[in-house]
Amino acid sequence: MEVKIQSEDKPELTGSRDMSAASDHASRHSVDLLETSTLTGDDGYNAGRDDRDHIRIEGGRFLMGTNDPEAFAGDGEGPVRETHVDSFYLDECTVTNAQFGQFVRETGYRTEAERFGWSFVFHLFVSSQTAAHVRTVVQQTPWWWVVEGADWSHPEGPDSDVNDRTDHPVIHISWNDANAYCGWAGKRLPSEAEWEYAARGGLIQKKYPWGDVLRPDGQRQCNIWQGTFPTQNNAADGYAGTAPARSFPANGYGLYNMSGNVWEWCADNYVTDHEKSILAKTVAFPDEVRKVLKGGSYLCHRSYCNRYRVAARIPNTPDTSTGHIGFRCASDVLPV
């Protein structure tokens, strides 16, 4: 299997996922959660198509992107450009394991990680038993291991489950999986412009959803790597991996974890020349399409992947899944 790296923080497959990499695990269903009929979210209700957790974001014009010296120019973070978004709804937090579990129970859906039989897992999370069977790591970033049997309900491999983290973001979710969930929920993925507009929470050109200082008054505002990457995480923010979807202070619009925790899929095709972004909808070679991810993750660290800033962005192929990719849902404001 050939694997390449698009950025330091996440692996990307060359083209579409190699189906030959699938194993016997590809036919394994998510038994743990499918057989759990009372799985609930952190506030005690089975939240699938429930709309109590979405927030209306009034549309308007805003300054998208950044000219910050810390920006990664090659990622297309800049230049700053005035952008308009219509009013829309955005879920206040990412889709949780509980919510995704309800979707799976009702539909029988199997994620691409399940069908391919493997996903990318950060090396420190893999048990010694599972590690003994790992045969492939990403050469440029060896902390990413290809783990057979890793999927949304077994995030560190077949000997793990999510029964003690039902309120955490679901992970190992591809762009295609996210769209399947959105269709079931009667929602959609946000555009990149909508996501960034919402993440700014009404602030203008600030680095983070809360301002320009990472830790105002010494208080931690997000779940990112603390320590020496990639060997030692002191979890000073309370979490070595994912944090609950509703954790840390919400931004000005009431949205949680718009920085850190998990990368979030957007609807858009990835381009870096924003004057030509209209062309992103008509790509001649579908296998080369990459989608936008925003927000950074619990693995981001200033020393190598300072992408938990609002304007930061990375691409990945629509069928890629990892242990730090999730999503949140948006929906349209219907005319009255």
Protein backbone atom coordinates (compact mmCIF):
# COMPACT_ATOMS: atom_id res chain seq x y z
CA MET A 1 0.00 0.00 0.00
CA GLU A 2 1.40 3.37 -0.97
CA VAL A 3 0.81 6.19 1.47
CA LYS A 4 1.83 9.81 1.19
CA ILE A 5 1.59 12.83 3.48
CA GLN A 6 -0.24 16.02 2.65
CA SER A 7 0.65 17.76 5.90
CA GLU A 8 2.40 16.86 9.10
CA ASP A 9 -0.79 16.32 11.03
CA LYS A 10 -2.63 13.75 8.98
CA PRO A 11 -1.98 11.00 6.47
CA GLU A 12 -3.44 11.00 3.00
CA LEU A 13 -3.76 8.09 0.62
CA THR A 14 -2.53 8.32 -2.95
CA GLY A 15 -5.79 8.67 -4.86
CA SER A 16 -8.59 6.44 -3.59
CA ARG A 17 -8.03 3.91 -0.84
CA ASP A 18 -6.44 0.67 -1.99
CA MET A 19 -9.13 -1.99 -1.74
CA SER A 20 -6.47 -4.70 -1.63
CA ALA A 21 -5.61 -3.44 1.84
CA ALA A 22 -8.95 -4.68 3.17
CA SER A 23 -8.82 -7.72 5.42
CA ASP A 24 -11.19 -10.13 7.12
CA HIS A 25 -12.09 -7.24 9.40
CA ALA A 26 -13.95 -5.64 6.48
CA SER A 27 -16.93 -7.93 7.10
CA ARG A 28 -17.02 -7.24 10.83
CA HIS A 29 -19.98 -5.15 11.96
CA SER A 30 -19.86 -2.68 14.85
CA VAL A 31 -21.35 -5.19 17.25
CA ASP A 32 -20.58 -3.36 20.47
CA LEU A 33 -22.76 -0.35 19.76
CA LEU A 34 -25.27 -1.94 17.42
CA GLU A 35 -26.35 -4.21 20.24
CA THR A 36 -26.62 -1.32 22.69
CA SER A 37 -30.17 -0.04 22.50
CA THR A 38 -29.88 2.64 25.15
CA LEU A 39 -26.80 4.50 23.94
CA THR A 40 -27.30 8.16 24.71
CA GLY A 41 -25.52 11.44 24.34
CA ASP A 42 -23.90 13.38 27.14
CA ASP A 43 -27.16 15.09 27.99
CA GLY A 44 -29.11 11.85 28.24
CA TYR A 45 -31.10 11.67 25.02
CA ASN A 46 -30.68 9.70 21.82
CA ALA A 47 -29.61 12.60 19.64
CA GLY A 48 -29.76 11.69 15.98
CA ARG A 49 -32.20 13.85 14.07
CA ASP A 50 -32.93 15.99 17.12
CA ASP A 51 -32.57 19.72 16.37
CA ARG A 52 -32.23 20.98 19.92
CA ASP A 53 -28.47 21.27 19.49
CA HIS A 54 -28.29 23.44 16.40
CA ILE A 55 -27.78 27.18 16.38
CA ARG A 56 -29.01 29.73 13.86
CA ILE A 57 -26.12 31.77 12.47
CA GLU A 58 -27.29 35.02 10.91
CA GLY A 59 -25.64 35.57 7.55
CA GLY A 60 -23.51 38.49 6.49
CA ARG A 61 -20.15 39.51 5.08
CA PHE A 62 -16.88 38.76 6.82
CA LEU A 63 -13.14 38.72 6.28
CA MET A 64 -12.22 35.14 5.48
CA GLY A 65 -8.67 33.78 5.53
CA THR A 66 -5.60 35.37 7.04
CA ASN A 67 -2.38 37.21 6.27
CA ASP A 68 -0.91 36.14 9.62
CA PRO A 69 2.85 35.43 9.46
CA GLU A 70 2.10 32.12 11.20
CA ALA A 71 -0.13 31.00 8.34
CA PHE A 72 0.87 28.22 5.99
CA ALA A 73 0.88 29.97 2.61
CA GLY A 74 0.93 26.69 0.72
CA ASP A 75 -2.36 25.69 2.35
CA GLY A 76 -4.19 28.62 0.79
CA GLU A 77 -5.01 30.30 4.09
CA GLY A 78 -4.70 33.70 2.44
CA PRO A 79 -5.17 36.21 1.18
CA VAL A 80 -7.82 37.80 3.37
CA ARG A 81 -10.93 38.24 1.26
CA GLU A 82 -14.42 39.56 1.90
CA THR A 83 -16.92 36.72 1.73
CA HIS A 84 -20.71 36.55 2.07
CA VAL A 85 -22.71 33.74 3.66
CA ASP A 86 -26.46 33.41 3.93
CA SER A 87 -28.09 32.58 7.25
CA PHE A 88 -27.78 28.91 8.18
CA TYR A 89 -27.93 26.50 11.09
CA LEU A 90 -24.85 24.81 12.53
CA ASP A 91 -24.76 22.13 15.20
CA GLU A 92 -23.22 23.45 18.38
CA CYS A 93 -20.84 20.48 18.52
CA THR A 94 -19.50 17.68 16.40
CA VAL A 95 -21.48 14.50 15.85
CA THR A 96 -20.89 12.17 18.79
CA ASN A 97 -20.45 8.43 19.06
CA ALA A 98 -23.95 8.25 20.51
CA GLN A 99 -25.47 10.07 17.55
CA PHE A 100 -23.55 8.07 14.99
CA GLY A 101 -24.49 4.88 16.81
CA GLN A 102 -28.16 5.72 16.42
CA PHE A 103 -27.61 6.31 12.70
CA VAL A 104 -25.91 2.92 12.35
CA ARG A 105 -28.62 1.11 14.30
CA GLU A 106 -31.41 2.60 12.21
CA THR A 107 -29.77 2.20 8.81
CA GLY A 108 -27.20 -0.60 9.07
CA TYR A 109 -24.65 1.75 7.54
CA ARG A 110 -21.03 0.58 7.45
CA THR A 111 -18.31 3.19 7.26
CA GLU A 112 -15.55 3.09 4.70
CA ALA A 113 -13.05 2.15 7.42
CA GLU A 114 -15.18 -0.90 8.18
CA ARG A 115 -15.50 -1.85 4.53
CA PHE A 116 -11.80 -1.34 3.80
CA GLY A 117 -10.88 -3.15 7.01
CA TRP A 118 -8.48 -0.59 8.49
CA SER A 119 -7.87 3.03 9.41
CA PHE A 120 -5.05 5.29 10.62
CA VAL A 121 -4.43 5.30 14.38
CA PHE A 122 -1.94 7.41 16.35
CA HIS A 123 0.79 5.11 17.63
CA LEU A 124 0.53 5.92 21.36
CA PHE A 125 -3.08 4.73 21.44
CA VAL A 126 -2.45 1.24 20.05
CA SER A 127 -2.32 -1.60 22.59
CA SER A 128 0.68 -3.93 22.63
CA GLN A 129 -1.57 -6.76 21.47
CA THR A 130 -2.79 -4.82 18.44
CA ALA A 131 0.65 -3.34 17.78
CA ALA A 132 2.03 -6.84 17.30
CA HIS A 133 -0.10 -7.11 14.14
CA VAL A 134 0.70 -3.69 12.65
CA ARG A 135 2.60 -4.08 9.40
CA THR A 136 2.42 -0.59 7.86
CA VAL A 137 3.31 2.86 9.17
CA VAL A 138 3.45 6.14 7.28
CA GLN A 139 7.09 6.61 6.36
CA GLN A 140 7.20 10.41 6.59
CA THR A 141 5.22 10.49 9.84
CA PRO A 142 5.76 7.15 11.58
CA TRP A 143 3.40 8.02 14.42
CA TRP A 144 0.52 7.10 12.06
CA TRP A 145 -0.06 3.35 11.98
CA VAL A 146 -2.35 1.42 9.63
CA VAL A 147 -4.42 -0.63 12.08
CA GLU A 148 -6.64 -3.40 10.80
CA GLY A 149 -9.98 -3.46 12.55
CA ALA A 150 -9.84 0.23 13.51
CA ASP A 151 -13.09 2.05 12.82
CA TRP A 152 -15.56 4.43 14.46
CA SER A 153 -16.67 1.97 17.14
CA HIS A 154 -13.18 0.47 17.62
CA PRO A 155 -11.08 3.63 17.39
CA GLU A 156 -7.75 2.14 18.53
CA GLY A 157 -8.26 -1.25 16.91
CA PRO A 158 -10.38 -4.37 17.43
CA ASP A 159 -9.62 -4.54 21.17
CA SER A 160 -11.09 -1.06 21.83
CA ASP A 161 -14.59 0.42 21.93
CA VAL A 162 -16.36 3.73 22.57
CA ASN A 163 -18.80 2.64 25.26
CA ASP A 164 -17.11 4.93 27.81
CA ARG A 165 -17.01 7.94 25.45
CA THR A 166 -20.44 8.16 23.91
CA ASP A 167 -20.35 11.95 24.25
CA HIS A 168 -17.03 12.27 22.39
CA PRO A 169 -16.81 13.11 18.68
CA VAL A 170 -17.15 10.13 16.38
CA ILE A 171 -13.85 9.58 14.53
CA HIS A 172 -12.56 7.44 11.65
CA ILE A 173 -15.20 9.11 9.52
CA SER A 174 -14.57 9.80 5.84
CA TRP A 175 -16.13 12.67 3.93
CA ASN A 176 -18.41 10.12 2.26
CA ASP A 177 -19.46 8.73 5.64
CA ALA A 178 -20.18 12.23 6.94
CA ASN A 179 -22.41 12.94 3.96
CA ALA A 180 -24.31 9.70 4.49
CA TYR A 181 -25.03 10.70 8.09
CA CYS A 182 -26.06 14.21 7.06
CA GLY A 183 -28.52 12.80 4.53
CA TRP A 184 -30.11 10.60 7.18
CA ALA A 185 -30.31 13.51 9.62
CA GLY A 186 -31.84 15.85 7.04
CA LYS A 187 -28.80 18.10 7.20
CA ARG A 188 -25.59 18.72 5.22
CA LEU A 189 -21.94 19.53 5.71
CA PRO A 190 -21.13 23.23 6.10
CA SER A 191 -19.26 25.06 3.39
CA GLU A 192 -15.79 26.20 4.33
CA ALA A 193 -17.00 29.81 4.37
CA GLU A 194 -19.89 28.92 6.68
CA TRP A 195 -17.58 26.96 8.97
CA GLU A 196 -15.03 29.75 9.27
CA TYR A 197 -17.70 32.45 9.66
CA ALA A 198 -19.28 30.46 12.49
CA ALA A 199 -15.95 29.60 14.10
CA ARG A 200 -15.06 33.28 14.37
CA GLY A 201 -18.09 33.76 16.60
CA GLY A 202 -18.59 37.38 15.55
CA LEU A 203 -14.94 38.37 16.03
CA ILE A 204 -13.03 40.02 13.19
CA GLN A 205 -9.76 38.49 12.00
CA LYS A 206 -8.85 36.93 15.33
CA LYS A 207 -6.50 33.98 15.39
CA TYR A 208 -8.71 31.72 17.49
CA PRO A 209 -12.47 31.52 18.11
CA TRP A 210 -11.95 33.43 21.38
CA GLY A 211 -9.28 35.99 20.36
CA ASP A 212 -5.58 36.26 19.61
CA VAL A 213 -4.12 34.75 22.79
CA LEU A 214 -4.00 30.96 22.99
CA ARG A 215 -4.44 30.84 26.79
CA PRO A 216 -6.12 34.06 27.98
CA ASP A 217 -5.52 34.52 31.71
CA GLY A 218 -3.75 31.16 31.64
CA GLN A 219 -6.97 29.28 30.85
CA ARG A 220 -6.94 26.50 28.27
CA GLN A 221 -9.57 26.99 25.61
CA CYS A 222 -9.13 23.91 23.42
CA ASN A 223 -7.88 20.33 23.22
CA ILE A 224 -4.49 20.27 21.51
CA TRP A 225 -1.18 18.47 22.14
CA GLN A 226 0.62 19.38 25.37
CA GLY A 227 4.22 18.27 25.64
CA THR A 228 6.77 17.00 23.12
CA PHE A 229 5.26 15.76 19.89
CA PRO A 230 4.97 12.91 19.00
CA THR A 231 6.36 11.00 21.96
CA GLN A 232 5.04 12.61 25.13
CA ASN A 233 1.69 14.24 25.80
CA ASN A 234 1.26 15.44 29.37
CA ALA A 235 -2.48 16.02 28.75
CA ALA A 236 -2.35 19.30 30.68
CA ASP A 237 -5.67 20.25 29.11
CA GLY A 238 -7.22 17.09 30.53
CA TYR A 239 -7.22 14.92 27.42
CA ALA A 240 -4.64 12.83 25.58
CA GLY A 241 -7.12 11.96 22.84
CA THR A 242 -10.56 13.31 22.09
CA ALA A 243 -12.49 15.41 24.60
CA PRO A 244 -16.28 15.38 24.94
CA ALA A 245 -17.98 17.24 22.12
CA ARG A 246 -19.26 19.81 24.62
CA SER A 247 -16.09 20.78 26.43
CA PHE A 248 -14.10 23.97 26.93
CA PRO A 249 -15.88 27.33 26.61
CA ALA A 250 -18.15 27.84 23.60
CA ASN A 251 -17.41 30.69 21.21
CA GLY A 252 -19.49 33.82 20.72
CA TYR A 253 -22.14 31.91 18.78
CA GLY A 254 -22.37 29.08 21.32
CA LEU A 255 -20.33 26.59 19.27
CA TYR A 256 -18.01 24.13 20.99
CA ASN A 257 -14.52 22.99 20.00
CA MET A 258 -14.13 24.94 16.79
CA SER A 259 -10.39 24.72 17.50
CA GLY A 260 -8.69 21.44 18.34
CA ASN A 261 -10.27 18.13 19.34
CA VAL A 262 -11.00 16.75 15.83
CA TRP A 263 -10.61 17.96 12.28
CA GLU A 264 -14.00 18.67 10.69
CA TRP A 265 -15.01 17.97 7.10
CA CYS A 266 -16.44 20.79 4.99
CA ALA A 267 -18.46 20.37 1.81
CA ASP A 268 -15.94 22.14 -0.43
CA ASN A 269 -13.37 20.78 -2.80
CA TYR A 270 -9.91 21.98 -1.77
CA VAL A 271 -8.29 24.74 -3.82
CA THR A 272 -5.57 27.21 -2.95
CA ASP A 273 -6.26 29.77 -5.68
CA HIS A 274 -9.44 31.29 -4.29
CA GLU A 275 -10.11 33.33 -7.40
CA LYS A 276 -10.65 30.01 -9.17
CA SER A 277 -12.62 28.32 -6.41
CA ILE A 278 -15.73 28.23 -8.61
CA LEU A 279 -13.93 25.59 -10.68
CA ALA A 280 -13.75 23.28 -7.69
CA LYS A 281 -17.26 22.06 -8.46
CA THR A 282 -16.24 20.68 -11.86
CA VAL A 283 -13.10 18.60 -11.54
CA ALA A 284 -12.10 16.60 -14.59
CA PHE A 285 -10.48 13.78 -12.59
CA PRO A 286 -12.72 12.70 -9.68
CA ASP A 287 -9.97 10.53 -8.15
CA GLU A 288 -7.93 13.69 -7.62
CA VAL A 289 -10.65 15.53 -5.70
CA ARG A 290 -9.68 16.51 -2.17
CA LYS A 291 -12.00 18.00 0.43
CA VAL A 292 -11.41 20.74 3.00
CA LEU A 293 -10.87 20.01 6.69
CA LYS A 294 -10.94 22.76 9.31
CA GLY A 295 -10.28 23.26 13.00
CA GLY A 296 -7.19 21.24 13.87
CA SER A 297 -7.17 18.34 16.31
CA TYR A 298 -5.91 17.01 19.62
CA LEU A 299 -2.63 16.18 17.82
CA CYS A 300 -1.90 19.75 16.72
CA HIS A 301 1.10 21.39 18.35
CA ARG A 302 2.78 24.73 17.69
CA SER A 303 6.11 22.99 17.05
CA TYR A 304 4.96 21.28 13.86
CA CYS A 305 1.26 21.77 13.05
CA ASN A 306 -0.05 25.11 14.19
CA ARG A 307 -3.35 24.55 12.43
CA TYR A 308 -5.81 25.05 15.28
CA ARG A 309 -6.17 28.66 14.11
CA VAL A 310 -9.54 29.64 12.59
CA ALA A 311 -8.17 30.29 9.10
CA ALA A 312 -6.11 27.09 8.94
CA ARG A 313 -7.16 24.38 6.50
CA ILE A 314 -5.91 21.10 5.07
CA PRO A 315 -7.08 18.74 2.30
CA ASN A 316 -7.77 15.04 2.21
CA THR A 317 -9.39 12.54 -0.12
CA PRO A 318 -13.11 11.87 0.43
CA ASP A 319 -12.57 8.23 1.42
CA THR A 320 -9.83 8.85 3.99
CA SER A 321 -10.44 8.19 7.69
CA THR A 322 -8.19 8.70 10.70
CA GLY A 323 -8.40 8.75 14.47
CA HIS A 324 -8.70 12.53 14.57
CA ILE A 325 -11.24 13.31 11.85
CA GLY A 326 -14.91 13.95 12.62
CA PHE A 327 -17.59 16.40 11.46
CA ARG A 328 -20.52 18.58 12.43
CA CYS A 329 -23.73 19.21 10.52
CA ALA A 330 -25.25 22.34 9.01
CA SER A 331 -28.65 22.99 7.49
CA ASP A 332 -30.40 25.69 5.53
CA VAL A 333 -32.69 28.34 6.93
CA LEU A 334 -35.93 27.72 5.12
CA PRO A 335 -37.91 30.69 3.77
CA VAL A 336 -41.14 31.47 5.59
